[in-house]
Amino acid sequence: MYSIGLLAAISMSLGMMFKILHWPGGDALLIYGMIGFVFLYLPLLMVNYYKLSINSALTEKLRLILGFASAITICTATAFKALHITGADLLLIIGTLLFSFGFLPFMFFNLYKKSIS
């Protein structure tokens, strides 16, 4: 899992550098890195964290699911924006709304509960 994350991160950073410098292969490196990160590494990481929180409360599980869903959506929107693919604006709005009104309330509620006890 971590080697997939490392390879995806290296591919994304090299792809962005190639794209900025207008070198050939930048688009391919960037898109393969984003695909590896969004569709391989993040779901594997989510399953790993979900297994660790299997005995946790429902709010903890929802926070985890909404956090990863917003991360996947925002990363996909970023890739679409960098490659000038249509639909990037809508994905970015959906990901930001998921993060702002889905993940953040659960996170701050959890922090509030911990501060009381």
PDB file of N, CA and C in Angstrom:
ATOM      1  N   MET A   1       0.823  -1.187   0.000  1.00  0.00           N
ATOM      2  CA  MET A   1       0.000   0.000   0.000  1.00  0.00           C
ATOM      3  C   MET A   1       0.873   1.260   0.000  1.00  0.00           C
ATOM      4  N   TYR A   2       1.893   1.264   0.853  1.00  0.00           N
ATOM      5  CA  TYR A   2       2.732   2.462   0.938  1.00  0.00           C
ATOM      6  C   TYR A   2       3.612   2.634  -0.293  1.00  0.00           C
ATOM      7  N   SER A   3       4.004   1.535  -0.926  1.00  0.00           N
ATOM      8  CA  SER A   3       4.785   1.667  -2.159  1.00  0.00           C
ATOM      9  C   SER A   3       3.929   2.235  -3.287  1.00  0.00           C
ATOM     10  N   ILE A   4       2.646   1.890  -3.320  1.00  0.00           N
ATOM     11  CA  ILE A   4       1.734   2.477  -4.310  1.00  0.00           C
ATOM     12  C   ILE A   4       1.600   3.975  -4.062  1.00  0.00           C
ATOM     13  N   GLY A   5       1.468   4.357  -2.804  1.00  0.00           N
ATOM     14  CA  GLY A   5       1.384   5.778  -2.468  1.00  0.00           C
ATOM     15  C   GLY A   5       2.641   6.530  -2.836  1.00  0.00           C
ATOM     16  N   LEU A   6       3.799   5.933  -2.573  1.00  0.00           N
ATOM     17  CA  LEU A   6       5.072   6.574  -2.921  1.00  0.00           C
ATOM     18  C   LEU A   6       5.221   6.734  -4.430  1.00  0.00           C
ATOM     19  N   LEU A   7       4.934   5.668  -5.184  1.00  0.00           N
ATOM     20  CA  LEU A   7       5.038   5.752  -6.642  1.00  0.00           C
ATOM     21  C   LEU A   7       4.056   6.757  -7.230  1.00  0.00           C
ATOM     22  N   ALA A   8       2.855   6.804  -6.670  1.00  0.00           N
ATOM     23  CA  ALA A   8       1.861   7.765  -7.157  1.00  0.00           C
ATOM     24  C   ALA A   8       2.301   9.195  -6.860  1.00  0.00           C
ATOM     25  N   ALA A   9       2.839   9.429  -5.674  1.00  0.00           N
ATOM     26  CA  ALA A   9       3.294  10.776  -5.314  1.00  0.00           C
ATOM     27  C   ALA A   9       4.481  11.210  -6.170  1.00  0.00           C
ATOM     28  N   ILE A  10       5.411  10.294  -6.427  1.00  0.00           N
ATOM     29  CA  ILE A  10       6.554  10.610  -7.289  1.00  0.00           C
ATOM     30  C   ILE A  10       6.076  10.910  -8.700  1.00  0.00           C
ATOM     31  N   SER A  11       5.151  10.102  -9.193  1.00  0.00           N
ATOM     32  CA  SER A  11       4.631  10.315 -10.542  1.00  0.00           C
ATOM     33  C   SER A  11       3.893  11.646 -10.652  1.00  0.00           C
ATOM     34  N   MET A  12       3.110  11.992  -9.636  1.00  0.00           N
ATOM     35  CA  MET A  12       2.391  13.271  -9.669  1.00  0.00           C
ATOM     36  C   MET A  12       3.352  14.447  -9.636  1.00  0.00           C
ATOM     37  N   SER A  13       4.348  14.383  -8.778  1.00  0.00           N
ATOM     38  CA  SER A  13       5.269  15.524  -8.676  1.00  0.00           C
ATOM     39  C   SER A  13       6.133  15.654  -9.926  1.00  0.00           C
ATOM     40  N   LEU A  14       6.603  14.546 -10.467  1.00  0.00           N
ATOM     41  CA  LEU A  14       7.366  14.618 -11.717  1.00  0.00           C
ATOM     42  C   LEU A  14       6.487  15.072 -12.875  1.00  0.00           C
ATOM     43  N   GLY A  15       5.253  14.579 -12.914  1.00  0.00           N
ATOM     44  CA  GLY A  15       4.329  14.991 -13.966  1.00  0.00           C
ATOM     45  C   GLY A  15       4.036  16.475 -13.911  1.00  0.00           C
ATOM     46  N   MET A  16       3.870  17.017 -12.701  1.00  0.00           N
ATOM     47  CA  MET A  16       3.630  18.454 -12.578  1.00  0.00           C
ATOM     48  C   MET A  16       4.863  19.245 -13.004  1.00  0.00           C
ATOM     49  N   MET A  17       6.049  18.766 -12.630  1.00  0.00           N
ATOM     50  CA  MET A  17       7.274  19.456 -13.051  1.00  0.00           C
ATOM     51  C   MET A  17       7.419  19.416 -14.572  1.00  0.00           C
ATOM     52  N   PHE A  18       7.186  18.244 -15.169  1.00  0.00           N
ATOM     53  CA  PHE A  18       7.273  18.124 -16.621  1.00  0.00           C
ATOM     54  C   PHE A  18       6.262  19.034 -17.302  1.00  0.00           C
ATOM     55  N   LYS A  19       5.052  19.101 -16.727  1.00  0.00           N
ATOM     56  CA  LYS A  19       4.007  19.933 -17.323  1.00  0.00           C
ATOM     57  C   LYS A  19       4.361  21.421 -17.225  1.00  0.00           C
ATOM     58  N   ILE A  20       4.903  21.846 -16.092  1.00  0.00           N
ATOM     59  CA  ILE A  20       5.287  23.244 -15.919  1.00  0.00           C
ATOM     60  C   ILE A  20       6.424  23.623 -16.860  1.00  0.00           C
ATOM     61  N   LEU A  21       7.366  22.697 -17.048  1.00  0.00           N
ATOM     62  CA  LEU A  21       8.509  22.962 -17.914  1.00  0.00           C
ATOM     63  C   LEU A  21       8.230  22.647 -19.387  1.00  0.00           C
ATOM     64  N   HIS A  22       6.998  22.222 -19.678  1.00  0.00           N
ATOM     65  CA  HIS A  22       6.578  21.889 -21.052  1.00  0.00           C
ATOM     66  C   HIS A  22       7.431  20.785 -21.669  1.00  0.00           C
ATOM     67  N   TRP A  23       7.810  19.809 -20.861  1.00  0.00           N
ATOM     68  CA  TRP A  23       8.536  18.652 -21.356  1.00  0.00           C
ATOM     69  C   TRP A  23       7.538  17.575 -21.770  1.00  0.00           C
ATOM     70  N   PRO A  24       7.911  16.716 -22.707  1.00  0.00           N
ATOM     71  CA  PRO A  24       6.971  15.665 -23.133  1.00  0.00           C
ATOM     72  C   PRO A  24       6.771  14.625 -22.021  1.00  0.00           C
ATOM     73  N   GLY A  25       5.587  14.115 -21.944  1.00  0.00           N
ATOM     74  CA  GLY A  25       5.262  13.073 -20.979  1.00  0.00           C
ATOM     75  C   GLY A  25       4.685  13.585 -19.674  1.00  0.00           C
ATOM     76  N   GLY A  26       4.582  14.886 -19.523  1.00  0.00           N
ATOM     77  CA  GLY A  26       4.062  15.447 -18.281  1.00  0.00           C
ATOM     78  C   GLY A  26       2.614  15.083 -18.019  1.00  0.00           C
ATOM     79  N   ASP A  27       1.801  15.155 -19.058  1.00  0.00           N
ATOM     80  CA  ASP A  27       0.384  14.815 -18.897  1.00  0.00           C
ATOM     81  C   ASP A  27       0.204  13.359 -18.469  1.00  0.00           C
ATOM     82  N   ALA A  28       0.940  12.459 -19.118  1.00  0.00           N
ATOM     83  CA  ALA A  28       0.811  11.032 -18.798  1.00  0.00           C
ATOM     84  C   ALA A  28       1.267  10.739 -17.372  1.00  0.00           C
ATOM     85  N   LEU A  29       2.414  11.299 -16.980  1.00  0.00           N
ATOM     86  CA  LEU A  29       2.897  11.075 -15.615  1.00  0.00           C
ATOM     87  C   LEU A  29       1.913  11.621 -14.587  1.00  0.00           C
ATOM     88  N   LEU A  30       1.395  12.795 -14.837  1.00  0.00           N
ATOM     89  CA  LEU A  30       0.471  13.410 -13.894  1.00  0.00           C
ATOM     90  C   LEU A  30      -0.814  12.609 -13.778  1.00  0.00           C
ATOM     91  N   ILE A  31      -1.373  12.206 -14.892  1.00  0.00           N
ATOM     92  CA  ILE A  31      -2.650  11.491 -14.839  1.00  0.00           C
ATOM     93  C   ILE A  31      -2.476  10.092 -14.251  1.00  0.00           C
ATOM     94  N   TYR A  32      -1.385   9.391 -14.568  1.00  0.00           N
ATOM     95  CA  TYR A  32      -1.169   8.072 -13.974  1.00  0.00           C
ATOM     96  C   TYR A  32      -0.907   8.177 -12.480  1.00  0.00           C
ATOM     97  N   GLY A  33      -0.205   9.206 -12.073  1.00  0.00           N
ATOM     98  CA  GLY A  33       0.020   9.421 -10.645  1.00  0.00           C
ATOM     99  C   GLY A  33      -1.267   9.721  -9.915  1.00  0.00           C
ATOM    100  N   MET A  34      -2.101  10.572 -10.508  1.00  0.00           N
ATOM    101  CA  MET A  34      -3.386  10.903  -9.885  1.00  0.00           C
ATOM    102  C   MET A  34      -4.307   9.679  -9.831  1.00  0.00           C
ATOM    103  N   ILE A  35      -4.330   8.900 -10.899  1.00  0.00           N
ATOM    104  CA  ILE A  35      -5.157   7.686 -10.910  1.00  0.00           C
ATOM    105  C   ILE A  35      -4.688   6.715  -9.842  1.00  0.00           C
ATOM    106  N   GLY A  36      -3.373   6.533  -9.743  1.00  0.00           N
ATOM    107  CA  GLY A  36      -2.842   5.638  -8.716  1.00  0.00           C
ATOM    108  C   GLY A  36      -3.145   6.117  -7.316  1.00  0.00           C
ATOM    109  N   PHE A  37      -3.042   7.428  -7.105  1.00  0.00           N
ATOM    110  CA  PHE A  37      -3.295   7.982  -5.779  1.00  0.00           C
ATOM    111  C   PHE A  37      -4.768   7.928  -5.410  1.00  0.00           C
ATOM    112  N   VAL A  38      -5.615   8.359  -6.346  1.00  0.00           N
ATOM    113  CA  VAL A  38      -7.044   8.477  -6.047  1.00  0.00           C
ATOM    114  C   VAL A  38      -7.748   7.128  -6.040  1.00  0.00           C
ATOM    115  N   PHE A  39      -7.428   6.259  -6.979  1.00  0.00           N
ATOM    116  CA  PHE A  39      -8.187   5.021  -7.113  1.00  0.00           C
ATOM    117  C   PHE A  39      -7.494   3.788  -6.544  1.00  0.00           C
ATOM    118  N   LEU A  40      -6.231   3.900  -6.147  1.00  0.00           N
ATOM    119  CA  LEU A  40      -5.557   2.771  -5.509  1.00  0.00           C
ATOM    120  C   LEU A  40      -5.172   3.070  -4.068  1.00  0.00           C
ATOM    121  N   TYR A  41      -4.372   4.129  -3.876  1.00  0.00           N
ATOM    122  CA  TYR A  41      -3.840   4.403  -2.547  1.00  0.00           C
ATOM    123  C   TYR A  41      -4.915   4.871  -1.566  1.00  0.00           C
ATOM    124  N   LEU A  42      -5.705   5.876  -1.919  1.00  0.00           N
ATOM    125  CA  LEU A  42      -6.716   6.381  -0.983  1.00  0.00           C
ATOM    126  C   LEU A  42      -7.746   5.325  -0.580  1.00  0.00           C
ATOM    127  N   PRO A  43      -8.280   4.504  -1.507  1.00  0.00           N
ATOM    128  CA  PRO A  43      -9.196   3.450  -1.047  1.00  0.00           C
ATOM    129  C   PRO A  43      -8.524   2.413  -0.140  1.00  0.00           C
ATOM    130  N   LEU A  44      -7.270   2.044  -0.441  1.00  0.00           N
ATOM    131  CA  LEU A  44      -6.567   1.106   0.435  1.00  0.00           C
ATOM    132  C   LEU A  44      -6.347   1.712   1.820  1.00  0.00           C
ATOM    133  N   LEU A  45      -6.000   2.982   1.859  1.00  0.00           N
ATOM    134  CA  LEU A  45      -5.813   3.666   3.130  1.00  0.00           C
ATOM    135  C   LEU A  45      -7.128   3.753   3.896  1.00  0.00           C
ATOM    136  N   MET A  46      -8.227   4.009   3.178  1.00  0.00           N
ATOM    137  CA  MET A  46      -9.532   4.082   3.827  1.00  0.00           C
ATOM    138  C   MET A  46      -9.918   2.735   4.422  1.00  0.00           C
ATOM    139  N   VAL A  47      -9.698   1.660   3.699  1.00  0.00           N
ATOM    140  CA  VAL A  47     -10.017   0.324   4.221  1.00  0.00           C
ATOM    141  C   VAL A  47      -9.173   0.033   5.458  1.00  0.00           C
ATOM    142  N   ASN A  48      -7.912   0.422   5.424  1.00  0.00           N
ATOM    143  CA  ASN A  48      -7.025   0.205   6.569  1.00  0.00           C
ATOM    144  C   ASN A  48      -7.527   0.961   7.798  1.00  0.00           C
ATOM    145  N   TYR A  49      -7.867   2.232   7.636  1.00  0.00           N
ATOM    146  CA  TYR A  49      -8.392   3.017   8.753  1.00  0.00           C
ATOM    147  C   TYR A  49      -9.762   2.523   9.200  1.00  0.00           C
ATOM    148  N   TYR A  50     -10.581   2.071   8.256  1.00  0.00           N
ATOM    149  CA  TYR A  50     -11.911   1.567   8.603  1.00  0.00           C
ATOM    150  C   TYR A  50     -11.802   0.302   9.444  1.00  0.00           C
ATOM    151  N   LYS A  51     -10.842  -0.565   9.115  1.00  0.00           N
ATOM    152  CA  LYS A  51     -10.628  -1.776   9.914  1.00  0.00           C
ATOM    153  C   LYS A  51     -10.209  -1.426  11.334  1.00  0.00           C
ATOM    154  N   LEU A  52      -9.411  -0.377  11.473  1.00  0.00           N
ATOM    155  CA  LEU A  52      -8.975   0.033  12.810  1.00  0.00           C
ATOM    156  C   LEU A  52     -10.123   0.630  13.618  1.00  0.00           C
ATOM    157  N   SER A  53     -11.092   1.243  12.945  1.00  0.00           N
ATOM    158  CA  SER A  53     -12.202   1.886  13.658  1.00  0.00           C
ATOM    159  C   SER A  53     -13.483   1.067  13.580  1.00  0.00           C
ATOM    160  N   ILE A  54     -13.373  -0.235  13.389  1.00  0.00           N
ATOM    161  CA  ILE A  54     -14.564  -1.079  13.221  1.00  0.00           C
ATOM    162  C   ILE A  54     -15.411  -1.097  14.487  1.00  0.00           C
ATOM    163  N   ASN A  55     -14.786  -0.956  15.648  1.00  0.00           N
ATOM    164  CA  ASN A  55     -15.540  -0.967  16.907  1.00  0.00           C
ATOM    165  C   ASN A  55     -15.863   0.443  17.387  1.00  0.00           C
ATOM    166  N   SER A  56     -15.598   1.443  16.571  1.00  0.00           N
ATOM    167  CA  SER A  56     -15.852   2.829  16.958  1.00  0.00           C
ATOM    168  C   SER A  56     -17.317   3.188  16.754  1.00  0.00           C
ATOM    169  N   ALA A  57     -17.647   4.389  17.186  1.00  0.00           N
ATOM    170  CA  ALA A  57     -19.021   4.880  17.044  1.00  0.00           C
ATOM    171  C   ALA A  57     -19.341   5.168  15.585  1.00  0.00           C
ATOM    172  N   LEU A  58     -20.622   5.280  15.299  1.00  0.00           N
ATOM    173  CA  LEU A  58     -21.079   5.557  13.940  1.00  0.00           C
ATOM    174  C   LEU A  58     -20.564   6.903  13.447  1.00  0.00           C
ATOM    175  N   THR A  59     -20.486   7.895  14.333  1.00  0.00           N
ATOM    176  CA  THR A  59     -19.996   9.212  13.921  1.00  0.00           C
ATOM    177  C   THR A  59     -18.538   9.145  13.477  1.00  0.00           C
ATOM    178  N   GLU A  60     -17.763   8.294  14.116  1.00  0.00           N
ATOM    179  CA  GLU A  60     -16.356   8.135  13.737  1.00  0.00           C
ATOM    180  C   GLU A  60     -16.250   7.501  12.349  1.00  0.00           C
ATOM    181  N   LYS A  61     -17.086   6.528  12.066  1.00  0.00           N
ATOM    182  CA  LYS A  61     -17.085   5.882  10.754  1.00  0.00           C
ATOM    183  C   LYS A  61     -17.550   6.849   9.668  1.00  0.00           C
ATOM    184  N   LEU A  62     -18.594   7.634   9.972  1.00  0.00           N
ATOM    185  CA  LEU A  62     -19.075   8.615   8.993  1.00  0.00           C
ATOM    186  C   LEU A  62     -18.029   9.682   8.715  1.00  0.00           C
ATOM    187  N   ARG A  63     -17.317  10.102   9.745  1.00  0.00           N
ATOM    188  CA  ARG A  63     -16.249  11.086   9.565  1.00  0.00           C
ATOM    189  C   ARG A  63     -15.174  10.534   8.637  1.00  0.00           C
ATOM    190  N   LEU A  64     -14.820   9.278   8.834  1.00  0.00           N
ATOM    191  CA  LEU A  64     -13.813   8.639   7.999  1.00  0.00           C
ATOM    192  C   LEU A  64     -14.277   8.530   6.550  1.00  0.00           C
ATOM    193  N   ILE A  65     -15.500   8.081   6.346  1.00  0.00           N
ATOM    194  CA  ILE A  65     -16.026   7.910   4.986  1.00  0.00           C
ATOM    195  C   ILE A  65     -16.164   9.251   4.278  1.00  0.00           C
ATOM    196  N   LEU A  66     -16.713  10.249   4.958  1.00  0.00           N
ATOM    197  CA  LEU A  66     -16.881  11.565   4.336  1.00  0.00           C
ATOM    198  C   LEU A  66     -15.542  12.240   4.071  1.00  0.00           C
ATOM    199  N   GLY A  67     -14.578  12.040   4.941  1.00  0.00           N
ATOM    200  CA  GLY A  67     -13.253  12.614   4.726  1.00  0.00           C
ATOM    201  C   GLY A  67     -12.578  12.036   3.500  1.00  0.00           C
ATOM    202  N   PHE A  68     -12.627  10.725   3.365  1.00  0.00           N
ATOM    203  CA  PHE A  68     -12.004  10.111   2.192  1.00  0.00           C
ATOM    204  C   PHE A  68     -12.780  10.393   0.914  1.00  0.00           C
ATOM    205  N   ALA A  69     -14.106  10.451   0.993  1.00  0.00           N
ATOM    206  CA  ALA A  69     -14.895  10.782  -0.201  1.00  0.00           C
ATOM    207  C   ALA A  69     -14.585  12.195  -0.672  1.00  0.00           C
ATOM    208  N   SER A  70     -14.449  13.127   0.258  1.00  0.00           N
ATOM    209  CA  SER A  70     -14.108  14.495  -0.144  1.00  0.00           C
ATOM    210  C   SER A  70     -12.685  14.572  -0.681  1.00  0.00           C
ATOM    211  N   ALA A  71     -11.762  13.809  -0.095  1.00  0.00           N
ATOM    212  CA  ALA A  71     -10.379  13.804  -0.594  1.00  0.00           C
ATOM    213  C   ALA A  71     -10.304  13.240  -2.006  1.00  0.00           C
ATOM    214  N   ILE A  72     -11.015  12.168  -2.253  1.00  0.00           N
ATOM    215  CA  ILE A  72     -11.015  11.564  -3.591  1.00  0.00           C
ATOM    216  C   ILE A  72     -11.630  12.528  -4.603  1.00  0.00           C
ATOM    217  N   THR A  73     -12.726  13.165  -4.236  1.00  0.00           N
ATOM    218  CA  THR A  73     -13.391  14.096  -5.147  1.00  0.00           C
ATOM    219  C   THR A  73     -12.523  15.317  -5.438  1.00  0.00           C
ATOM    220  N   ILE A  74     -11.897  15.877  -4.412  1.00  0.00           N
ATOM    221  CA  ILE A  74     -11.052  17.061  -4.610  1.00  0.00           C
ATOM    222  C   ILE A  74      -9.795  16.718  -5.400  1.00  0.00           C
ATOM    223  N   CYS A  75      -9.202  15.547  -5.145  1.00  0.00           N
ATOM    224  CA  CYS A  75      -8.020  15.141  -5.927  1.00  0.00           C
ATOM    225  C   CYS A  75      -8.374  14.910  -7.392  1.00  0.00           C
ATOM    226  N   THR A  76      -9.523  14.319  -7.645  1.00  0.00           N
ATOM    227  CA  THR A  76      -9.968  14.127  -9.023  1.00  0.00           C
ATOM    228  C   THR A  76     -10.223  15.472  -9.693  1.00  0.00           C
ATOM    229  N   ALA A  77     -10.834  16.407  -8.981  1.00  0.00           N
ATOM    230  CA  ALA A  77     -11.076  17.743  -9.526  1.00  0.00           C
ATOM    231  C   ALA A  77      -9.774  18.464  -9.826  1.00  0.00           C
ATOM    232  N   THR A  78      -8.777  18.289  -8.960  1.00  0.00           N
ATOM    233  CA  THR A  78      -7.470  18.905  -9.192  1.00  0.00           C
ATOM    234  C   THR A  78      -6.819  18.354 -10.452  1.00  0.00           C
ATOM    235  N   ALA A  79      -6.915  17.049 -10.639  1.00  0.00           N
ATOM    236  CA  ALA A  79      -6.363  16.445 -11.861  1.00  0.00           C
ATOM    237  C   ALA A  79      -7.103  16.949 -13.089  1.00  0.00           C
ATOM    238  N   PHE A  80      -8.414  17.034 -13.000  1.00  0.00           N
ATOM    239  CA  PHE A  80      -9.200  17.544 -14.125  1.00  0.00           C
ATOM    240  C   PHE A  80      -8.839  18.989 -14.432  1.00  0.00           C
ATOM    241  N   LYS A  81      -8.633  19.802 -13.388  1.00  0.00           N
ATOM    242  CA  LYS A  81      -8.259  21.207 -13.590  1.00  0.00           C
ATOM    243  C   LYS A  81      -6.892  21.310 -14.248  1.00  0.00           C
ATOM    244  N   ALA A  82      -5.932  20.520 -13.785  1.00  0.00           N
ATOM    245  CA  ALA A  82      -4.577  20.579 -14.336  1.00  0.00           C
ATOM    246  C   ALA A  82      -4.541  20.137 -15.791  1.00  0.00           C
ATOM    247  N   LEU A  83      -5.409  19.210 -16.149  1.00  0.00           N
ATOM    248  CA  LEU A  83      -5.426  18.686 -17.516  1.00  0.00           C
ATOM    249  C   LEU A  83      -6.511  19.335 -18.377  1.00  0.00           C
ATOM    250  N   HIS A  84      -7.193  20.329 -17.839  1.00  0.00           N
ATOM    251  CA  HIS A  84      -8.227  21.082 -18.569  1.00  0.00           C
ATOM    252  C   HIS A  84      -9.339  20.178 -19.097  1.00  0.00           C
ATOM    253  N   ILE A  85      -9.816  19.285 -18.237  1.00  0.00           N
ATOM    254  CA  ILE A  85     -10.913  18.386 -18.578  1.00  0.00           C
ATOM    255  C   ILE A  85     -12.202  18.994 -18.033  1.00  0.00           C
ATOM    256  N   THR A  86     -13.270  18.900 -18.817  1.00  0.00           N
ATOM    257  CA  THR A  86     -14.534  19.481 -18.367  1.00  0.00           C
ATOM    258  C   THR A  86     -15.074  18.723 -17.159  1.00  0.00           C
ATOM    259  N   GLY A  87     -15.805  19.427 -16.335  1.00  0.00           N
ATOM    260  CA  GLY A  87     -16.386  18.832 -15.147  1.00  0.00           C
ATOM    261  C   GLY A  87     -15.575  19.074 -13.894  1.00  0.00           C
ATOM    262  N   ALA A  88     -14.429  19.719 -14.036  1.00  0.00           N
ATOM    263  CA  ALA A  88     -13.559  19.950 -12.885  1.00  0.00           C
ATOM    264  C   ALA A  88     -14.205  20.892 -11.885  1.00  0.00           C
ATOM    265  N   ASP A  89     -14.896  21.925 -12.377  1.00  0.00           N
ATOM    266  CA  ASP A  89     -15.525  22.885 -11.475  1.00  0.00           C
ATOM    267  C   ASP A  89     -16.605  22.222 -10.619  1.00  0.00           C
ATOM    268  N   LEU A  90     -17.426  21.395 -11.237  1.00  0.00           N
ATOM    269  CA  LEU A  90     -18.489  20.712 -10.508  1.00  0.00           C
ATOM    270  C   LEU A  90     -17.909  19.756  -9.463  1.00  0.00           C
ATOM    271  N   LEU A  91     -16.873  19.004  -9.837  1.00  0.00           N
ATOM    272  CA  LEU A  91     -16.236  18.103  -8.887  1.00  0.00           C
ATOM    273  C   LEU A  91     -15.619  18.858  -7.721  1.00  0.00           C
ATOM    274  N   LEU A  92     -15.018  19.996  -8.013  1.00  0.00           N
ATOM    275  CA  LEU A  92     -14.416  20.800  -6.962  1.00  0.00           C
ATOM    276  C   LEU A  92     -15.474  21.332  -6.002  1.00  0.00           C
ATOM    277  N   ILE A  93     -16.605  21.758  -6.525  1.00  0.00           N
ATOM    278  CA  ILE A  93     -17.693  22.241  -5.677  1.00  0.00           C
ATOM    279  C   ILE A  93     -18.243  21.107  -4.817  1.00  0.00           C
ATOM    280  N   ILE A  94     -18.455  19.952  -5.409  1.00  0.00           N
ATOM    281  CA  ILE A  94     -18.984  18.803  -4.664  1.00  0.00           C
ATOM    282  C   ILE A  94     -17.998  18.374  -3.574  1.00  0.00           C
ATOM    283  N   GLY A  95     -16.712  18.288  -3.908  1.00  0.00           N
ATOM    284  CA  GLY A  95     -15.712  17.896  -2.926  1.00  0.00           C
ATOM    285  C   GLY A  95     -15.590  18.884  -1.780  1.00  0.00           C
ATOM    286  N   THR A  96     -15.658  20.168  -2.101  1.00  0.00           N
ATOM    287  CA  THR A  96     -15.573  21.196  -1.058  1.00  0.00           C
ATOM    288  C   THR A  96     -16.800  21.160  -0.162  1.00  0.00           C
ATOM    289  N   LEU A  97     -17.970  20.952  -0.745  1.00  0.00           N
ATOM    290  CA  LEU A  97     -19.185  20.850   0.069  1.00  0.00           C
ATOM    291  C   LEU A  97     -19.163  19.611   0.962  1.00  0.00           C
ATOM    292  N   LEU A  98     -18.680  18.492   0.434  1.00  0.00           N
ATOM    293  CA  LEU A  98     -18.541  17.284   1.244  1.00  0.00           C
ATOM    294  C   LEU A  98     -17.600  17.526   2.419  1.00  0.00           C
ATOM    295  N   PHE A  99     -16.494  18.209   2.143  1.00  0.00           N
ATOM    296  CA  PHE A  99     -15.522  18.484   3.195  1.00  0.00           C
ATOM    297  C   PHE A  99     -16.086  19.458   4.223  1.00  0.00           C
ATOM    298  N   SER A 100     -16.692  20.544   3.741  1.00  0.00           N
ATOM    299  CA  SER A 100     -17.155  21.606   4.639  1.00  0.00           C
ATOM    300  C   SER A 100     -18.364  21.206   5.472  1.00  0.00           C
ATOM    301  N   PHE A 101     -19.330  20.549   4.842  1.00  0.00           N
ATOM    302  CA  PHE A 101     -20.569  20.240   5.538  1.00  0.00           C
ATOM    303  C   PHE A 101     -20.711  18.765   5.908  1.00  0.00           C
ATOM    304  N   GLY A 102     -19.747  17.942   5.528  1.00  0.00           N
ATOM    305  CA  GLY A 102     -19.780  16.535   5.904  1.00  0.00           C
ATOM    306  C   GLY A 102     -18.690  16.172   6.879  1.00  0.00           C
ATOM    307  N   PHE A 103     -17.459  16.352   6.469  1.00  0.00           N
ATOM    308  CA  PHE A 103     -16.320  15.939   7.291  1.00  0.00           C
ATOM    309  C   PHE A 103     -16.084  16.859   8.476  1.00  0.00           C
ATOM    310  N   LEU A 104     -16.022  18.165   8.246  1.00  0.00           N
ATOM    311  CA  LEU A 104     -15.672  19.110   9.313  1.00  0.00           C
ATOM    312  C   LEU A 104     -16.642  19.095  10.500  1.00  0.00           C
ATOM    313  N   PRO A 105     -17.969  19.054  10.293  1.00  0.00           N
ATOM    314  CA  PRO A 105     -18.841  18.981  11.478  1.00  0.00           C
ATOM    315  C   PRO A 105     -18.597  17.735  12.334  1.00  0.00           C
ATOM    316  N   PHE A 106     -18.374  16.584  11.685  1.00  0.00           N
ATOM    317  CA  PHE A 106     -18.093  15.368  12.448  1.00  0.00           C
ATOM    318  C   PHE A 106     -16.759  15.471  13.183  1.00  0.00           C
ATOM    319  N   MET A 107     -15.765  16.072  12.552  1.00  0.00           N
ATOM    320  CA  MET A 107     -14.458  16.211  13.193  1.00  0.00           C
ATOM    321  C   MET A 107     -14.543  17.125  14.413  1.00  0.00           C
ATOM    322  N   PHE A 108     -15.190  18.288  14.256  1.00  0.00           N
ATOM    323  CA  PHE A 108     -15.281  19.210  15.382  1.00  0.00           C
ATOM    324  C   PHE A 108     -16.200  18.690  16.482  1.00  0.00           C
ATOM    325  N   PHE A 109     -17.239  17.927  16.127  1.00  0.00           N
ATOM    326  CA  PHE A 109     -18.078  17.294  17.131  1.00  0.00           C
ATOM    327  C   PHE A 109     -17.271  16.293  17.944  1.00  0.00           C
ATOM    328  N   ASN A 110     -16.432  15.533  17.260  1.00  0.00           N
ATOM    329  CA  ASN A 110     -15.578  14.560  17.934  1.00  0.00           C
ATOM    330  C   ASN A 110     -14.577  15.267  18.847  1.00  0.00           C
ATOM    331  N   LEU A 111     -13.989  16.346  18.378  1.00  0.00           N
ATOM    332  CA  LEU A 111     -13.058  17.114  19.216  1.00  0.00           C
ATOM    333  C   LEU A 111     -13.775  17.712  20.426  1.00  0.00           C
ATOM    334  N   TYR A 112     -15.000  18.179  20.234  1.00  0.00           N
ATOM    335  CA  TYR A 112     -15.777  18.740  21.330  1.00  0.00           C
ATOM    336  C   TYR A 112     -16.071  17.677  22.383  1.00  0.00           C
ATOM    337  N   LYS A 113     -16.462  16.479  21.936  1.00  0.00           N
ATOM    338  CA  LYS A 113     -16.743  15.381  22.871  1.00  0.00           C
ATOM    339  C   LYS A 113     -15.497  15.007  23.663  1.00  0.00           C
ATOM    340  N   LYS A 114     -14.342  15.000  23.014  1.00  0.00           N
ATOM    341  CA  LYS A 114     -13.096  14.654  23.712  1.00  0.00           C
ATOM    342  C   LYS A 114     -12.692  15.731  24.719  1.00  0.00           C
ATOM    343  N   SER A 115     -12.989  16.990  24.397  1.00  0.00           N
ATOM    344  CA  SER A 115     -12.604  18.070  25.312  1.00  0.00           C
ATOM    345  C   SER A 115     -13.481  18.084  26.560  1.00  0.00           C
ATOM    346  N   ILE A 116     -14.718  17.617  26.445  1.00  0.00           N
ATOM    347  CA  ILE A 116     -15.621  17.576  27.599  1.00  0.00           C
ATOM    348  C   ILE A 116     -15.205  16.479  28.565  1.00  0.00           C
ATOM    349  N   SER A 117     -14.844  15.335  28.025  1.00  0.00           N
ATOM    350  CA  SER A 117     -14.515  14.193  28.898  1.00  0.00           C
ATOM    351  C   SER A 117     -13.087  14.176  29.361  1.00  0.00           C
TER     352      SER A 117
END
